[in-house]
Amino acid sequence: MHIDGGCHCGFITYEAEVDPDKVTICHCTDCQTLTGSVYRVTVPAPKDGFKLLTGRPKIYVKTAESGVRRAHGFCPECGTPIYATAVTDPQVYGVRVGTARQRAQLSPKRQTWCDSALEWAIDINGLPRSAKGAA
């Protein structure tokens, strides 16, 4: 599936080829902190299927619990996370689904690091809803 997207301010734009059957929610505490939310949704794009069209991301390198180092690319202007990949010789880019224009078609197919999931974040169906903003 072809997707395109970018950061909130428009400085970074990209296009990618992804498999929508590989969309994953990660509940690890690193993803919680790096997103400022309760989980992260990612879809992998192979190296030859990911292309930055505009802008150059700032890179933050983090070391995972496993010891693996990951390069996180985000917009230097607005801070939007765009992807994560290997520090050296990236072969796959973990594209942040929220940055894709086609995000409605990229529903998660699995969850990882569920031991770190926040209990209240698993089922929010019972919460009151409003169409826009606070009531």
N, C-alpha and C. Protein backbone atom coordinates (compact mmCIF):
# COMPACT_ATOMS: atom_id res chain seq x y z
N MET A 1 0.85 -1.18 0.00
CA MET A 1 0.00 0.00 0.00
C MET A 1 0.89 1.24 0.00
N HIS A 2 0.55 2.17 -0.85
CA HIS A 2 1.30 3.43 -0.91
C HIS A 2 0.71 4.40 0.11
N ILE A 3 1.58 5.01 0.91
CA ILE A 3 1.14 6.04 1.85
C ILE A 3 2.02 7.28 1.68
N ASP A 4 1.50 8.39 2.16
CA ASP A 4 2.29 9.61 2.21
C ASP A 4 1.86 10.38 3.44
N GLY A 5 2.73 11.25 3.89
CA GLY A 5 2.40 12.00 5.09
C GLY A 5 3.51 12.95 5.47
N GLY A 6 3.46 13.37 6.72
CA GLY A 6 4.47 14.30 7.19
C GLY A 6 4.20 14.75 8.60
N CYS A 7 4.98 15.70 9.02
CA CYS A 7 4.87 16.23 10.38
C CYS A 7 3.72 17.23 10.48
N HIS A 8 3.46 17.69 11.68
CA HIS A 8 2.36 18.61 11.94
C HIS A 8 2.53 19.94 11.23
N CYS A 9 3.76 20.47 11.21
CA CYS A 9 3.97 21.81 10.61
C CYS A 9 4.22 21.77 9.11
N GLY A 10 4.44 20.57 8.54
CA GLY A 10 4.65 20.45 7.10
C GLY A 10 6.10 20.53 6.66
N PHE A 11 7.03 20.71 7.59
CA PHE A 11 8.45 20.80 7.23
C PHE A 11 8.96 19.48 6.64
N ILE A 12 8.53 18.35 7.22
CA ILE A 12 8.94 17.04 6.73
C ILE A 12 7.76 16.36 6.05
N THR A 13 7.99 15.88 4.83
CA THR A 13 7.01 15.05 4.14
C THR A 13 7.71 13.81 3.63
N TYR A 14 6.94 12.75 3.43
CA TYR A 14 7.51 11.47 2.98
C TYR A 14 6.47 10.70 2.18
N GLU A 15 6.94 9.65 1.52
CA GLU A 15 6.06 8.66 0.93
C GLU A 15 6.68 7.30 1.22
N ALA A 16 5.83 6.27 1.26
CA ALA A 16 6.33 4.94 1.62
C ALA A 16 5.41 3.86 1.05
N GLU A 17 5.99 2.70 0.91
CA GLU A 17 5.24 1.49 0.57
C GLU A 17 5.23 0.63 1.82
N VAL A 18 4.03 0.27 2.29
CA VAL A 18 3.90 -0.50 3.53
C VAL A 18 2.92 -1.65 3.35
N ASP A 19 3.01 -2.60 4.25
CA ASP A 19 2.06 -3.70 4.30
C ASP A 19 1.10 -3.41 5.44
N PRO A 20 -0.17 -3.09 5.16
CA PRO A 20 -1.11 -2.74 6.22
C PRO A 20 -1.37 -3.88 7.21
N ASP A 21 -1.00 -5.10 6.86
CA ASP A 21 -1.17 -6.24 7.77
C ASP A 21 -0.07 -6.30 8.83
N LYS A 22 0.88 -5.35 8.78
CA LYS A 22 1.98 -5.35 9.74
C LYS A 22 1.93 -4.16 10.70
N VAL A 23 0.79 -3.50 10.78
CA VAL A 23 0.65 -2.36 11.71
C VAL A 23 0.62 -2.90 13.14
N THR A 24 1.45 -2.30 14.00
CA THR A 24 1.61 -2.79 15.36
C THR A 24 1.48 -1.67 16.39
N ILE A 25 0.83 -1.99 17.50
CA ILE A 25 0.81 -1.11 18.67
C ILE A 25 1.92 -1.58 19.60
N CYS A 26 2.74 -0.65 20.07
CA CYS A 26 3.76 -0.98 21.06
C CYS A 26 3.42 -0.29 22.36
N HIS A 27 3.38 -1.06 23.45
CA HIS A 27 3.06 -0.54 24.77
C HIS A 27 4.30 -0.36 25.65
N CYS A 28 5.50 -0.48 25.10
CA CYS A 28 6.70 -0.39 25.95
C CYS A 28 6.79 1.01 26.58
N THR A 29 7.48 1.08 27.70
CA THR A 29 7.56 2.36 28.41
C THR A 29 8.35 3.39 27.61
N ASP A 30 9.31 2.96 26.78
CA ASP A 30 10.02 3.91 25.92
C ASP A 30 9.06 4.56 24.94
N CYS A 31 8.20 3.78 24.30
CA CYS A 31 7.23 4.34 23.36
C CYS A 31 6.25 5.25 24.07
N GLN A 32 5.85 4.89 25.28
CA GLN A 32 4.96 5.76 26.04
C GLN A 32 5.61 7.12 26.26
N THR A 33 6.87 7.11 26.67
CA THR A 33 7.57 8.37 26.96
C THR A 33 7.85 9.15 25.68
N LEU A 34 8.33 8.47 24.64
CA LEU A 34 8.70 9.15 23.40
C LEU A 34 7.50 9.75 22.66
N THR A 35 6.31 9.19 22.87
CA THR A 35 5.12 9.75 22.22
C THR A 35 4.38 10.72 23.12
N GLY A 36 4.64 10.64 24.43
CA GLY A 36 3.86 11.44 25.36
C GLY A 36 2.44 10.91 25.46
N SER A 37 2.26 9.63 25.11
CA SER A 37 0.94 9.01 25.11
C SER A 37 1.07 7.61 25.73
N VAL A 38 0.04 6.79 25.59
CA VAL A 38 0.05 5.49 26.25
C VAL A 38 0.57 4.35 25.39
N TYR A 39 0.72 4.57 24.09
CA TYR A 39 1.34 3.59 23.19
C TYR A 39 1.68 4.26 21.88
N ARG A 40 2.40 3.51 21.02
CA ARG A 40 2.78 4.02 19.70
C ARG A 40 2.28 3.03 18.65
N VAL A 41 1.82 3.55 17.50
CA VAL A 41 1.36 2.71 16.39
C VAL A 41 2.33 2.92 15.22
N THR A 42 2.88 1.81 14.72
CA THR A 42 3.92 1.86 13.70
C THR A 42 3.64 0.86 12.59
N VAL A 43 4.07 1.21 11.37
CA VAL A 43 4.03 0.28 10.25
C VAL A 43 5.41 0.27 9.60
N PRO A 44 5.97 -0.92 9.35
CA PRO A 44 7.30 -0.97 8.74
C PRO A 44 7.28 -0.66 7.24
N ALA A 45 8.29 0.05 6.80
CA ALA A 45 8.51 0.32 5.38
C ALA A 45 9.94 -0.10 5.06
N PRO A 46 10.14 -0.92 4.04
CA PRO A 46 11.51 -1.29 3.68
C PRO A 46 12.30 -0.07 3.22
N LYS A 47 13.60 -0.14 3.37
CA LYS A 47 14.51 0.96 3.02
C LYS A 47 14.21 1.51 1.62
N ASP A 48 14.03 0.62 0.65
CA ASP A 48 13.79 1.07 -0.72
C ASP A 48 12.34 1.51 -0.94
N GLY A 49 11.50 1.40 0.11
CA GLY A 49 10.11 1.82 0.00
C GLY A 49 9.79 3.04 0.85
N PHE A 50 10.84 3.71 1.37
CA PHE A 50 10.63 4.90 2.19
C PHE A 50 11.46 6.04 1.62
N LYS A 51 10.80 7.18 1.39
CA LYS A 51 11.51 8.31 0.79
C LYS A 51 11.08 9.61 1.46
N LEU A 52 12.05 10.34 1.99
CA LEU A 52 11.78 11.69 2.49
C LEU A 52 11.65 12.60 1.29
N LEU A 53 10.59 13.39 1.24
CA LEU A 53 10.36 14.31 0.13
C LEU A 53 10.84 15.71 0.45
N THR A 54 10.58 16.15 1.69
CA THR A 54 11.02 17.48 2.12
C THR A 54 11.52 17.40 3.55
N GLY A 55 12.42 18.31 3.89
CA GLY A 55 12.92 18.41 5.24
C GLY A 55 13.94 17.35 5.59
N ARG A 56 14.58 17.58 6.68
CA ARG A 56 15.57 16.63 7.20
C ARG A 56 15.29 16.46 8.69
N PRO A 57 15.00 15.22 9.12
CA PRO A 57 14.65 15.03 10.53
C PRO A 57 15.86 15.17 11.45
N LYS A 58 15.60 15.57 12.67
CA LYS A 58 16.59 15.51 13.73
C LYS A 58 16.58 14.07 14.21
N ILE A 59 17.74 13.54 14.55
CA ILE A 59 17.86 12.15 14.98
C ILE A 59 18.20 12.08 16.46
N TYR A 60 17.46 11.25 17.17
CA TYR A 60 17.73 10.94 18.56
C TYR A 60 18.01 9.45 18.64
N VAL A 61 19.15 9.06 19.18
CA VAL A 61 19.50 7.64 19.29
C VAL A 61 19.22 7.18 20.72
N LYS A 62 18.42 6.14 20.83
CA LYS A 62 18.14 5.56 22.14
C LYS A 62 18.57 4.11 22.15
N THR A 63 18.91 3.64 23.34
CA THR A 63 19.27 2.24 23.52
C THR A 63 18.10 1.53 24.17
N ALA A 64 17.60 0.51 23.50
CA ALA A 64 16.45 -0.24 24.01
C ALA A 64 16.87 -1.14 25.16
N GLU A 65 15.89 -1.68 25.86
CA GLU A 65 16.13 -2.62 26.95
C GLU A 65 16.98 -3.80 26.48
N SER A 66 16.83 -4.18 25.21
CA SER A 66 17.58 -5.29 24.63
C SER A 66 19.03 -4.93 24.34
N GLY A 67 19.37 -3.64 24.41
CA GLY A 67 20.71 -3.19 24.08
C GLY A 67 20.84 -2.69 22.65
N VAL A 68 19.80 -2.88 21.85
CA VAL A 68 19.80 -2.43 20.46
C VAL A 68 19.64 -0.90 20.42
N ARG A 69 20.45 -0.26 19.60
CA ARG A 69 20.35 1.19 19.45
C ARG A 69 19.45 1.51 18.26
N ARG A 70 18.53 2.45 18.45
CA ARG A 70 17.57 2.84 17.42
C ARG A 70 17.67 4.34 17.18
N ALA A 71 17.62 4.72 15.91
CA ALA A 71 17.63 6.13 15.52
C ALA A 71 16.19 6.58 15.31
N HIS A 72 15.76 7.55 16.09
CA HIS A 72 14.41 8.10 15.99
C HIS A 72 14.47 9.42 15.26
N GLY A 73 13.75 9.50 14.12
CA GLY A 73 13.71 10.73 13.33
C GLY A 73 12.46 11.52 13.64
N PHE A 74 12.64 12.80 13.96
CA PHE A 74 11.50 13.65 14.26
C PHE A 74 11.73 15.04 13.67
N CYS A 75 10.66 15.78 13.50
CA CYS A 75 10.76 17.11 12.92
C CYS A 75 11.48 18.05 13.87
N PRO A 76 12.52 18.74 13.39
CA PRO A 76 13.23 19.67 14.26
C PRO A 76 12.44 20.95 14.53
N GLU A 77 11.37 21.18 13.80
CA GLU A 77 10.57 22.39 13.97
C GLU A 77 9.40 22.17 14.94
N CYS A 78 8.60 21.11 14.71
CA CYS A 78 7.41 20.91 15.54
C CYS A 78 7.51 19.71 16.47
N GLY A 79 8.54 18.86 16.29
CA GLY A 79 8.75 17.72 17.19
C GLY A 79 8.00 16.46 16.84
N THR A 80 7.24 16.45 15.76
CA THR A 80 6.48 15.25 15.39
C THR A 80 7.41 14.07 15.12
N PRO A 81 7.19 12.92 15.80
CA PRO A 81 7.97 11.72 15.49
C PRO A 81 7.56 11.18 14.12
N ILE A 82 8.54 10.87 13.27
CA ILE A 82 8.25 10.40 11.90
C ILE A 82 8.55 8.90 11.75
N TYR A 83 9.70 8.45 12.28
CA TYR A 83 10.09 7.05 12.13
C TYR A 83 11.15 6.68 13.15
N ALA A 84 11.42 5.37 13.20
CA ALA A 84 12.59 4.84 13.92
C ALA A 84 13.22 3.81 13.00
N THR A 85 14.55 3.66 13.11
CA THR A 85 15.26 2.72 12.27
C THR A 85 16.58 2.34 12.95
N ALA A 86 17.31 1.43 12.32
CA ALA A 86 18.63 1.05 12.84
C ALA A 86 19.57 2.24 12.74
N VAL A 87 20.52 2.29 13.68
CA VAL A 87 21.48 3.40 13.69
C VAL A 87 22.42 3.30 12.50
N THR A 88 22.89 2.10 12.20
CA THR A 88 23.78 1.91 11.04
C THR A 88 23.10 0.99 10.03
N ASP A 89 23.23 1.34 8.77
CA ASP A 89 22.68 0.58 7.65
C ASP A 89 21.21 0.22 7.82
N PRO A 90 20.34 1.23 7.91
CA PRO A 90 18.91 0.95 8.08
C PRO A 90 18.34 0.17 6.91
N GLN A 91 17.59 -0.87 7.22
CA GLN A 91 16.92 -1.68 6.19
C GLN A 91 15.40 -1.50 6.23
N VAL A 92 14.89 -1.10 7.40
CA VAL A 92 13.46 -0.92 7.60
C VAL A 92 13.23 0.35 8.41
N TYR A 93 12.21 1.11 8.03
CA TYR A 93 11.81 2.30 8.77
C TYR A 93 10.46 2.03 9.43
N GLY A 94 10.39 2.21 10.72
CA GLY A 94 9.13 2.07 11.45
C GLY A 94 8.39 3.40 11.39
N VAL A 95 7.52 3.54 10.40
CA VAL A 95 6.81 4.80 10.17
C VAL A 95 5.71 4.97 11.20
N ARG A 96 5.60 6.14 11.78
CA ARG A 96 4.59 6.44 12.78
C ARG A 96 3.26 6.67 12.07
N VAL A 97 2.31 5.79 12.33
CA VAL A 97 1.04 5.76 11.61
C VAL A 97 0.30 7.09 11.69
N GLY A 98 0.38 7.79 12.81
CA GLY A 98 -0.32 9.05 12.96
C GLY A 98 0.14 10.13 12.00
N THR A 99 1.30 9.94 11.36
CA THR A 99 1.81 10.93 10.40
C THR A 99 1.34 10.66 8.97
N ALA A 100 0.73 9.50 8.73
CA ALA A 100 0.29 9.12 7.38
C ALA A 100 -1.10 9.68 7.08
N ARG A 101 -1.28 10.22 5.89
CA ARG A 101 -2.62 10.69 5.48
C ARG A 101 -3.61 9.53 5.44
N GLN A 102 -3.13 8.33 5.20
CA GLN A 102 -3.98 7.14 5.09
C GLN A 102 -4.13 6.40 6.42
N ARG A 103 -3.92 7.08 7.54
CA ARG A 103 -3.93 6.42 8.85
C ARG A 103 -5.24 5.69 9.14
N ALA A 104 -6.36 6.14 8.59
CA ALA A 104 -7.64 5.46 8.83
C ALA A 104 -7.65 4.05 8.26
N GLN A 105 -6.84 3.80 7.24
CA GLN A 105 -6.76 2.46 6.64
C GLN A 105 -5.68 1.60 7.27
N LEU A 106 -4.96 2.12 8.26
CA LEU A 106 -3.85 1.39 8.87
C LEU A 106 -4.20 0.98 10.30
N SER A 107 -5.20 0.11 10.42
CA SER A 107 -5.60 -0.34 11.75
C SER A 107 -4.62 -1.40 12.27
N PRO A 108 -4.32 -1.35 13.55
CA PRO A 108 -3.36 -2.29 14.14
C PRO A 108 -3.82 -3.74 14.01
N LYS A 109 -2.84 -4.62 13.80
CA LYS A 109 -3.11 -6.05 13.66
C LYS A 109 -2.54 -6.84 14.84
N ARG A 110 -1.67 -6.21 15.66
CA ARG A 110 -1.13 -6.88 16.83
C ARG A 110 -0.61 -5.84 17.82
N GLN A 111 -0.33 -6.31 19.04
CA GLN A 111 0.21 -5.47 20.09
C GLN A 111 1.46 -6.14 20.66
N THR A 112 2.43 -5.33 21.06
CA THR A 112 3.64 -5.85 21.68
C THR A 112 3.88 -5.15 23.01
N TRP A 113 4.76 -5.71 23.81
CA TRP A 113 5.12 -5.18 25.12
C TRP A 113 3.89 -4.94 26.00
N CYS A 114 2.97 -5.88 25.95
CA CYS A 114 1.71 -5.73 26.68
C CYS A 114 1.89 -5.76 28.20
N ASP A 115 2.99 -6.29 28.69
CA ASP A 115 3.26 -6.26 30.13
C ASP A 115 3.39 -4.82 30.63
N SER A 116 3.77 -3.90 29.72
CA SER A 116 3.93 -2.49 30.09
C SER A 116 2.68 -1.66 29.82
N ALA A 117 1.67 -2.29 29.23
CA ALA A 117 0.45 -1.54 28.87
C ALA A 117 -0.22 -0.99 30.12
N LEU A 118 -0.72 0.22 30.01
CA LEU A 118 -1.48 0.81 31.11
C LEU A 118 -2.87 0.20 31.10
N GLU A 119 -3.27 -0.35 32.21
CA GLU A 119 -4.53 -1.08 32.31
C GLU A 119 -5.71 -0.27 31.77
N TRP A 120 -5.79 1.00 32.11
CA TRP A 120 -6.93 1.82 31.70
C TRP A 120 -6.94 2.11 30.20
N ALA A 121 -5.80 1.95 29.53
CA ALA A 121 -5.70 2.28 28.11
C ALA A 121 -6.19 1.16 27.20
N ILE A 122 -6.40 -0.01 27.75
CA ILE A 122 -6.79 -1.16 26.93
C ILE A 122 -8.24 -1.07 26.45
N ASP A 123 -9.15 -0.62 27.31
CA ASP A 123 -10.55 -0.54 26.91
C ASP A 123 -11.13 0.80 27.35
N ILE A 124 -11.30 1.70 26.38
CA ILE A 124 -11.84 3.03 26.69
C ILE A 124 -13.25 3.22 26.12
N ASN A 125 -13.86 2.12 25.68
CA ASN A 125 -15.19 2.22 25.06
C ASN A 125 -16.25 2.81 25.98
N GLY A 126 -16.13 2.64 27.30
CA GLY A 126 -17.14 3.12 28.23
C GLY A 126 -17.03 4.61 28.56
N LEU A 127 -16.00 5.27 28.11
CA LEU A 127 -15.83 6.69 28.43
C LEU A 127 -16.79 7.56 27.63
N PRO A 128 -17.27 8.66 28.24
CA PRO A 128 -18.14 9.58 27.49
C PRO A 128 -17.39 10.13 26.27
N ARG A 129 -18.13 10.41 25.21
CA ARG A 129 -17.54 10.90 23.96
C ARG A 129 -18.15 12.24 23.56
N SER A 130 -17.34 13.06 22.86
CA SER A 130 -17.87 14.27 22.26
C SER A 130 -17.27 14.37 20.86
N ALA A 131 -18.01 14.92 19.93
CA ALA A 131 -17.57 15.00 18.53
C ALA A 131 -16.31 15.85 18.37
N LYS A 132 -16.22 16.95 19.12
CA LYS A 132 -15.07 17.83 19.04
C LYS A 132 -14.78 18.43 20.41
N GLY A 133 -13.51 18.47 20.77
CA GLY A 133 -13.08 19.16 21.99
C GLY A 133 -13.85 18.81 23.25
N ALA A 134 -13.58 19.55 24.29
CA ALA A 134 -14.23 19.34 25.58
C ALA A 134 -15.64 19.90 25.57
N ALA A 135 -16.50 19.22 26.25
CA ALA A 135 -17.91 19.65 26.31
C ALA A 135 -18.09 20.78 27.28
